[in-house]
Protein backbone atom coordinates (compact mmCIF):
# COMPACT_ATOMS: atom_id res chain seq x y z
CA MET A 1 0.00 0.00 0.00
CA LYS A 2 1.19 3.53 -0.71
CA SER A 3 1.96 5.41 2.49
CA PRO A 4 -0.82 7.88 3.39
CA ASP A 5 -0.05 11.57 2.95
CA SER A 6 -1.36 12.61 6.37
CA LEU A 7 -1.79 10.82 9.65
CA LEU A 8 -3.18 12.10 12.93
CA PRO A 9 -2.94 10.91 16.52
CA LYS A 10 -5.28 7.99 17.24
CA ASP A 11 -5.09 6.72 13.65
CA PHE A 12 -3.75 3.17 13.43
CA ILE A 13 -1.23 1.77 10.97
CA ALA A 14 -0.12 -1.77 10.21
CA SER A 15 3.43 -2.97 9.58
CA PRO A 16 4.49 -5.83 7.27
CA GLU A 17 4.80 -8.03 10.38
CA GLY A 18 1.06 -7.65 10.95
CA TRP A 19 1.54 -5.45 14.00
CA LEU A 20 -0.89 -2.58 14.69
CA PHE A 21 0.51 0.75 15.88
CA ALA A 22 -1.39 3.75 17.26
CA VAL A 23 -0.14 7.03 15.79
CA VAL A 24 0.88 9.55 18.46
CA SER A 25 1.84 12.60 16.38
CA GLU A 26 1.12 14.09 12.96
CA LEU A 27 4.78 15.09 12.79
CA THR A 28 7.32 12.73 11.26
CA GLU A 29 11.03 12.28 11.92
CA ASP A 30 13.50 10.73 9.51
CA ASP A 31 10.47 9.92 7.31
CA LYS A 32 9.11 7.77 10.13
CA VAL A 33 5.68 7.91 11.76
CA LEU A 34 5.80 8.35 15.53
CA CYS A 35 3.58 5.69 17.05
CA PHE A 36 3.23 2.97 19.67
CA LEU A 37 2.64 -0.73 19.19
CA ARG A 38 -0.80 -1.67 20.56
CA TYR A 39 -1.80 -5.04 19.05
CA ALA A 40 0.22 -8.02 17.89
CA PRO A 41 -0.45 -11.73 17.31
CA ILE A 42 1.41 -13.76 19.92
CA ALA A 43 1.34 -17.56 19.66
CA GLY A 44 -1.49 -17.20 17.17
CA VAL A 45 -3.65 -15.02 19.44
CA TRP A 46 -4.13 -11.27 19.04
CA CYS A 47 -3.01 -9.43 22.19
CA LYS A 48 -3.39 -5.86 23.34
CA LEU A 49 0.00 -4.72 24.60
CA ASP A 50 1.01 -2.38 27.39
CA SER A 51 4.17 -0.32 27.08
CA ASP A 52 6.51 -2.86 28.67
CA SER A 53 5.16 -5.77 26.60
CA ALA A 54 5.35 -3.75 23.38
CA ASN A 55 8.92 -2.67 24.08
CA ARG A 56 10.01 -6.23 24.86
CA LEU A 57 8.43 -7.57 21.68
CA LEU A 58 10.12 -4.98 19.50
CA ALA A 59 13.46 -5.31 21.26
CA GLU A 60 13.40 -9.03 20.50
CA HIS A 61 11.99 -9.05 16.98
CA SER A 62 12.39 -5.57 15.45
CA PRO A 63 14.58 -3.20 17.48
CA ALA A 64 14.74 -0.79 14.53
CA TYR A 65 11.17 0.27 15.44
CA LEU A 66 12.32 1.49 18.89
CA TYR A 67 12.96 5.19 18.57
CA GLN A 68 14.11 8.19 20.55
CA SER A 69 12.06 11.13 19.29
CA ARG A 70 13.87 14.45 19.14
CA LEU A 71 10.63 16.32 18.52
CA LEU A 72 8.75 14.85 21.47
CA SER A 73 11.81 14.23 23.64
CA ALA A 74 10.45 10.77 24.38
CA ARG A 75 11.27 7.15 23.70
CA LEU A 76 8.52 5.53 21.67
CA HIS A 77 8.12 3.61 18.42
CA ALA A 78 8.51 4.73 14.81
CA LEU A 79 7.43 3.03 11.60
CA PRO A 80 9.04 4.14 8.32
CA ARG A 81 6.34 5.48 6.03
CA SER A 82 7.53 3.05 3.34
CA ARG A 83 6.64 0.13 5.64
CA ILE A 84 3.01 1.14 6.27
CA VAL A 85 0.89 -1.59 4.69
CA GLU A 86 -2.49 -0.33 5.91
CA HIS A 87 -3.90 2.88 7.33
CA TYR A 88 -6.95 2.63 9.60
CA SER A 89 -8.76 5.94 9.21
CA PRO A 90 -11.06 6.66 12.21
CA ARG A 91 -13.52 8.76 10.20
CA ARG A 92 -13.79 6.38 7.28
CA ILE A 93 -14.19 3.30 9.47
CA LEU A 94 -16.73 4.99 11.75
CA GLN A 95 -18.96 5.73 8.75
CA LYS A 96 -18.57 2.13 7.60
CA LEU A 97 -19.53 0.78 11.05
CA LEU A 98 -22.51 3.13 11.36
CA ASN A 99 -23.91 2.03 8.01
CA SER A 100 -23.35 -1.73 8.29
CA PRO A 101 -25.98 -4.15 9.64
CA THR A 102 -24.38 -6.15 12.42
CA ALA A 103 -25.01 -8.55 15.28
CA ASP A 104 -21.86 -7.43 17.08
CA PRO A 105 -22.95 -6.00 20.48
CA ALA A 106 -20.17 -3.39 20.60
CA ILE A 107 -21.02 -2.08 17.13
CA ASN A 108 -24.73 -2.11 17.97
CA ASP A 109 -24.04 0.07 21.02
CA LEU A 110 -21.83 2.34 18.89
CA GLN A 111 -24.70 2.80 16.43
CA HIS A 112 -27.12 3.51 19.28
CA LEU A 113 -24.77 6.09 20.81
CA ALA A 114 -24.32 7.75 17.41
CA ARG A 115 -28.10 8.03 16.97
CA VAL A 116 -28.49 9.59 20.42
CA LEU A 117 -25.71 12.10 19.75
CA ALA A 118 -27.09 12.97 16.31
CA GLU A 119 -30.58 13.52 17.74
CA ALA A 120 -29.02 15.96 20.21
CA GLY A 121 -27.43 17.95 17.37
CA VAL A 122 -23.92 16.49 17.18
CA GLU A 123 -22.56 16.45 13.62
CA LEU A 124 -21.35 12.88 13.13
CA ALA A 125 -19.10 13.94 10.24
CA THR A 126 -16.78 15.50 12.84
CA LEU A 127 -16.25 12.12 14.53
CA GLY A 128 -14.13 9.02 14.11
CA ILE A 129 -13.69 5.76 15.99
CA THR A 130 -10.40 4.63 17.51
CA GLY A 131 -9.24 1.83 19.79
CA SER A 132 -10.30 -1.78 19.34
CA LEU A 133 -13.33 -0.98 17.15
CA LEU A 134 -11.12 0.84 14.64
CA VAL A 135 -8.99 -2.24 13.96
CA GLY A 136 -11.66 -4.91 14.46
CA MET A 137 -10.23 -6.16 17.77
CA GLN A 138 -13.34 -5.51 19.86
CA HIS A 139 -14.92 -8.09 22.16
CA HIS A 140 -18.18 -8.21 24.11
CA ALA A 141 -16.93 -5.79 26.80
CA SER A 142 -14.96 -3.36 24.61
CA ASP A 143 -15.22 0.37 25.17
CA ILE A 144 -16.39 2.81 22.50
CA ASP A 145 -13.59 5.30 21.85
CA LEU A 146 -14.84 8.25 19.80
CA VAL A 147 -12.51 10.94 18.53
CA CYS A 148 -13.65 14.40 17.43
CA TYR A 149 -11.74 16.53 14.92
CA ASP A 150 -13.40 19.87 15.66
CA ARG A 151 -12.84 21.70 18.95
CA ALA A 152 -16.24 23.43 19.02
CA ALA A 153 -18.05 20.18 18.21
CA PHE A 154 -16.11 18.37 20.92
CA HIS A 155 -17.16 20.81 23.62
CA GLN A 156 -20.73 20.68 22.30
CA MET A 157 -20.59 16.90 22.73
CA ARG A 158 -19.46 17.29 26.33
CA GLN A 159 -22.51 19.48 26.97
CA VAL A 160 -24.71 16.90 25.24
CA VAL A 161 -23.31 14.12 27.43
CA GLN A 162 -24.01 16.19 30.52
CA SER A 163 -27.63 16.70 29.38
CA LEU A 164 -28.06 13.03 28.48
CA MET A 165 -26.87 12.03 31.94
CA ALA A 166 -29.36 14.44 33.54
CA GLU A 167 -32.09 12.73 31.46
CA ASN A 168 -30.71 9.25 32.30
CA ARG A 169 -30.33 8.48 28.58
CA CYS A 170 -26.73 7.64 29.39
CA GLN A 171 -25.14 7.18 32.77
CA THR A 172 -21.99 8.09 34.62
CA LEU A 173 -19.65 5.26 35.55
CA ASN A 174 -20.59 3.25 38.64
CA ASP A 175 -18.26 2.65 41.57
CA GLY A 176 -16.82 -0.53 40.07
CA ASP A 177 -16.21 1.16 36.71
CA TRP A 178 -14.42 4.08 38.37
CA LEU A 179 -12.27 1.73 40.43
CA ALA A 180 -11.30 -0.27 37.34
CA ALA A 181 -10.44 2.92 35.42
CA TRP A 182 -8.37 4.25 38.33
CA GLN A 183 -6.46 0.99 38.64
CA ARG A 184 -5.89 0.74 34.88
CA ARG A 185 -4.58 4.30 34.73
CA SER A 186 -2.24 3.76 37.72
CA CYS A 187 -3.24 7.26 38.82
CA ASP A 188 -0.88 8.83 41.34
CA PHE A 189 -3.50 10.07 43.76
CA SER A 190 -6.51 8.69 45.59
CA LEU A 191 -9.58 7.15 43.99
CA ASP A 192 -11.78 9.92 45.39
CA ASP A 193 -9.53 12.59 43.88
CA TYR A 194 -9.49 10.74 40.54
CA ILE A 195 -13.29 10.55 40.41
CA TRP A 196 -13.66 14.24 41.36
CA HIS A 197 -11.46 15.27 38.44
CA GLU A 198 -13.13 12.90 35.98
CA VAL A 199 -16.85 13.47 36.58
CA ARG A 200 -16.63 17.15 35.67
CA LYS A 201 -15.03 16.47 32.28
CA TYR A 202 -18.17 14.89 30.73
CA ASN A 203 -16.01 13.07 28.18
CA LYS A 204 -16.95 9.55 29.25
CA GLY A 205 -20.04 7.67 30.29
CA MET A 206 -22.02 4.46 29.95
CA ILE A 207 -24.64 3.50 27.38
CA ASN A 208 -26.38 0.12 27.50
CA GLY A 209 -23.84 -0.76 30.18
CA ARG A 210 -20.90 -0.08 27.84
CA LYS A 211 -18.30 2.58 28.57
CA PHE A 212 -17.66 5.28 25.97
CA ASP A 213 -14.95 7.92 25.78
CA LEU A 214 -14.73 11.15 23.80
CA SER A 215 -11.36 12.61 22.83
CA LEU A 216 -10.25 15.59 20.75
CA VAL A 217 -7.70 15.58 17.94
CA VAL A 218 -6.97 18.75 15.99
CA PRO A 219 -3.76 19.51 14.08
CA SER A 220 -1.29 21.08 16.47
CA ASP A 221 0.53 24.35 15.94
CA ARG A 222 3.82 22.67 16.79
CA GLN A 223 6.41 23.14 14.10
CA GLN A 224 8.72 20.41 12.90
CA SER A 225 11.78 21.83 14.62
CA ALA A 226 14.38 20.65 17.05
CA GLY A 227 12.98 19.01 20.14
CA GLY A 228 13.35 20.05 23.74
CA TRP A 229 16.21 19.91 26.16
CA LYS A 230 15.37 17.77 29.19
CA LEU A 231 16.11 19.17 32.63
CA GLY A 232 14.92 16.29 34.84
CA ALA A 233 12.03 15.49 37.15
CA VAL A 234 10.20 18.39 38.77
CA HIS A 235 7.28 18.98 41.14
CA ILE A 236 5.59 22.39 41.04
CA THR A 237 2.50 24.26 42.17
CA ALA A 238 1.08 26.81 39.70
CA ASP A 239 -2.05 28.75 38.72
CA VAL A 240 -3.80 27.93 35.44
CA VAL A 241 -4.19 31.04 33.27
CA ASP A 242 -5.49 29.41 30.05
CA ASP A 243 -7.28 26.05 29.70
CA GLY A 244 -8.36 26.55 26.06
CA TYR A 245 -6.30 23.58 24.87
CA ALA A 246 -6.77 21.35 27.92
CA PHE A 247 -8.45 18.57 25.90
CA ASP A 248 -6.07 18.68 22.92
CA TYR A 249 -3.42 16.09 22.20
CA PRO A 250 -1.08 16.89 23.75
CA ALA A 251 -3.20 18.67 26.35
CA ARG A 252 -1.89 22.13 27.18
CA LEU A 253 -2.29 24.32 30.24
CA ASP A 254 -0.68 27.75 30.31
CA ILE A 255 0.34 28.55 33.88
CA ARG A 256 1.55 31.33 36.15
CA HIS A 257 4.77 30.18 37.78
CA ALA A 258 8.16 31.72 38.56
CA THR A 259 10.01 29.29 36.27
CA PHE A 260 7.63 27.45 33.95
CA GLU A 261 5.17 28.78 31.36
CA ARG A 262 3.24 25.71 30.31
CA VAL A 263 2.27 22.12 31.11
CA LEU A 264 2.03 19.66 28.22
CA CYS A 265 0.30 16.35 28.87
CA PHE A 266 0.62 13.28 26.64
CA THR A 267 -1.54 10.89 28.69
CA ALA A 268 -5.33 10.80 28.52
CA THR A 269 -5.47 10.36 32.31
CA TYR A 270 -4.90 14.08 32.83
CA THR A 271 -6.50 15.53 29.70
CA GLY A 272 -8.97 18.29 30.61
CA GLN A 273 -7.76 18.07 34.19
CA ALA A 274 -7.92 21.72 35.28
CA HIS A 275 -9.78 24.95 34.56
CA THR A 276 -8.59 28.53 34.24
CA GLY A 277 -8.23 30.08 37.69
CA GLU A 278 -7.49 26.83 39.49
CA THR A 279 -4.26 25.99 41.29
CA ILE A 280 -2.58 22.73 40.33
CA ALA A 281 0.15 20.47 41.61
CA VAL A 282 2.18 19.01 38.75
CA SER A 283 4.73 16.21 38.72
CA GLY A 284 6.56 15.59 35.46
CA GLN A 285 9.69 16.17 33.43
CA ALA A 286 11.06 19.70 33.09
CA GLU A 287 12.11 20.69 29.58
CA ILE A 288 13.13 23.69 27.52
CA ASP A 289 11.11 23.38 24.31
CA GLY A 290 12.24 24.21 20.77
CA GLU A 291 11.17 27.84 21.21
CA GLY A 292 13.01 28.34 24.48
CA ARG A 293 10.00 28.02 26.81
CA ARG A 294 10.36 26.17 30.07
CA VAL A 295 7.60 23.55 30.21
CA VAL A 296 6.63 20.55 32.32
CA ILE A 297 5.88 17.34 30.42
CA VAL A 298 3.36 14.94 31.98
CA GLY A 299 3.13 11.56 30.29
CA SER A 300 6.72 10.97 29.25
CA SER A 301 5.68 7.29 29.10
CA ARG A 302 2.25 5.90 28.28
CA GLU A 303 1.53 4.90 31.88
CA ALA A 304 3.12 8.12 33.26
CA MET A 305 4.17 6.51 36.54
CA GLY A 306 4.83 9.16 39.17
CA GLU A 307 3.59 11.97 36.90
CA TYR A 308 0.31 13.81 37.39
CA ILE A 309 -1.75 17.00 37.29
CA ARG A 310 -3.93 17.52 40.38
CA VAL A 311 -6.20 20.44 41.23
CA LEU A 312 -5.60 21.74 44.74
CA ARG A 313 -9.08 22.01 46.15
């Protein structure tokens, strides 16, 4: 297959080995797509991989895919564009799933959610599907991972979800769901704190007992220039002065602090975490970015162990 001209975060691509990678940036380095291995057949069975498992698999079988990104100042995976054998487009595949008769329970719930959102005024053309449904790896308990490519439409959807919850047409997560999400995210503060931050985002819920997530992807204004200069781990307290890009990928919070100007977050755990006017505690990696700004990076690895953004209440 000819390599696609443009790729966005949350797209998936396949390598000649049959491995499925999630794209993490629209920027390329050395004509390689920055990505992370998410699914691979192991002993004849498709497996979803965490960071450690993915790194071990590549180190053993294809170490050339392990990559130190200069642009993102992070160690991740990179697939040469010439080795992309398939591009899974979230928008194209969502439209296909919405218009295909099916007995699959996950796809049925996706279609039901889409109808409910459309009835509430959401423009489905702004949406795509990512995660297991994008690559056909869903099972009976799979989540629905929607991605929106328009910032205004995304925030409209959050308002719609809030209204649907008030009408009980969809529900917030129950105690068991929140506990499972907290444990899966390895969040670095208490369960109660995690739930407090999450419930006010209105970017996740339950429909027909199935969890759904909403995320935002818009082309970033980051230029393809030299990456940052790492300064090491840092813990700071700061005031949020602009939350306009808090749900972007990467999420961005502009802050008032004696040393740092900005927090950039690459993990969904802390996307949309704080509002303008709030005071936050941040643990992450200090960096001077390509434009000379001092920033704090949260999510230097997928699991972001020891890194967080927490509102001081």
